[in-house]
């Protein structure tokens, strides 16, 4: 069971999670008060669901 995206029940790719995590870390380092740190839990959730699901 993956993250529902536009009606699909597939997990987002791990690359998307890594990119989101990298973007949020760079954003937090450049603009610490911007609120980009709120993307870190979402990136970790995408990574967790991407690696938990087994491709068919």
C-alpha atoms as a PDB file:
ATOM      1  CA  UNK A   1       0.000   0.000   0.000  1.00  0.00           C
ATOM      2  CA  UNK A   2       1.514   3.285  -1.092  1.00  0.00           C
ATOM      3  CA  UNK A   3       0.793   6.951  -0.964  1.00  0.00           C
ATOM      4  CA  UNK A   4      -2.319   7.838  -2.967  1.00  0.00           C
ATOM      5  CA  UNK A   5      -1.261  10.217  -5.745  1.00  0.00           C
ATOM      6  CA  UNK A   6      -3.946  11.383  -8.148  1.00  0.00           C
ATOM      7  CA  UNK A   7      -6.003   8.285  -7.502  1.00  0.00           C
ATOM      8  CA  UNK A   8      -3.126   5.821  -7.857  1.00  0.00           C
ATOM      9  CA  UNK A   9      -2.178   3.608  -4.931  1.00  0.00           C
ATOM     10  CA  UNK A  10       1.512   3.357  -5.772  1.00  0.00           C
ATOM     11  CA  UNK A  11       4.428   4.619  -3.716  1.00  0.00           C
ATOM     12  CA  UNK A  12       6.295   7.644  -4.956  1.00  0.00           C
ATOM     13  CA  UNK A  13       9.800   6.870  -6.220  1.00  0.00           C
ATOM     14  CA  UNK A  14      12.636   7.013  -3.717  1.00  0.00           C
ATOM     15  CA  UNK A  15      14.414   9.547  -5.927  1.00  0.00           C
ATOM     16  CA  UNK A  16      11.576  11.979  -5.339  1.00  0.00           C
ATOM     17  CA  UNK A  17      11.985  11.544  -1.585  1.00  0.00           C
ATOM     18  CA  UNK A  18      15.759  12.054  -1.749  1.00  0.00           C
ATOM     19  CA  UNK A  19      15.314  15.152  -3.894  1.00  0.00           C
ATOM     20  CA  UNK A  20      12.716  16.563  -1.546  1.00  0.00           C
ATOM     21  CA  UNK A  21      14.985  15.892   1.420  1.00  0.00           C
ATOM     22  CA  UNK A  22      17.973  17.532  -0.286  1.00  0.00           C
ATOM     23  CA  UNK A  23      15.896  20.552  -1.273  1.00  0.00           C
ATOM     24  CA  UNK A  24      14.566  20.989   2.244  1.00  0.00           C
ATOM     25  CA  UNK A  25      17.998  20.609   3.885  1.00  0.00           C
ATOM     26  CA  UNK A  26      19.574  23.163   1.528  1.00  0.00           C
ATOM     27  CA  UNK A  27      16.624  25.493   2.048  1.00  0.00           C
ATOM     28  CA  UNK A  28      16.874  25.206   5.825  1.00  0.00           C
ATOM     29  CA  UNK A  29      20.602  25.932   5.710  1.00  0.00           C
ATOM     30  CA  UNK A  30      20.093  29.008   3.506  1.00  0.00           C
ATOM     31  CA  UNK A  31      16.868  30.293   5.075  1.00  0.00           C
ATOM     32  CA  UNK A  32      16.481  28.836   8.576  1.00  0.00           C
ATOM     33  CA  UNK A  33      13.296  30.757   9.409  1.00  0.00           C
ATOM     34  CA  UNK A  34      11.526  29.985   6.116  1.00  0.00           C
ATOM     35  CA  UNK A  35       9.601  26.935   7.270  1.00  0.00           C
ATOM     36  CA  UNK A  36      11.228  24.613   4.747  1.00  0.00           C
ATOM     37  CA  UNK A  37      12.013  22.321   7.660  1.00  0.00           C
ATOM     38  CA  UNK A  38       8.374  21.236   7.410  1.00  0.00           C
ATOM     39  CA  UNK A  39       9.275  19.325   4.236  1.00  0.00           C
ATOM     40  CA  UNK A  40      11.704  17.033   6.084  1.00  0.00           C
ATOM     41  CA  UNK A  41       8.990  14.801   7.658  1.00  0.00           C
ATOM     42  CA  UNK A  42       7.209  14.517   4.295  1.00  0.00           C
ATOM     43  CA  UNK A  43      10.454  13.541   2.584  1.00  0.00           C
ATOM     44  CA  UNK A  44      11.129  10.898   5.226  1.00  0.00           C
ATOM     45  CA  UNK A  45       7.581   9.576   4.809  1.00  0.00           C
ATOM     46  CA  UNK A  46       8.031   9.298   1.032  1.00  0.00           C
ATOM     47  CA  UNK A  47      11.336   7.471   1.554  1.00  0.00           C
ATOM     48  CA  UNK A  48       9.803   5.116   4.109  1.00  0.00           C
ATOM     49  CA  UNK A  49       6.916   4.184   1.822  1.00  0.00           C
ATOM     50  CA  UNK A  50       9.187   3.881  -1.227  1.00  0.00           C
ATOM     51  CA  UNK A  51      11.511   1.427   0.484  1.00  0.00           C
ATOM     52  CA  UNK A  52       8.720  -0.455   2.269  1.00  0.00           C
ATOM     53  CA  UNK A  53       6.895  -1.416  -0.921  1.00  0.00           C
ATOM     54  CA  UNK A  54       8.265  -4.202  -3.071  1.00  0.00           C
ATOM     55  CA  UNK A  55       8.206  -3.600  -6.835  1.00  0.00           C
ATOM     56  CA  UNK A  56       6.323  -6.207  -8.853  1.00  0.00           C
END
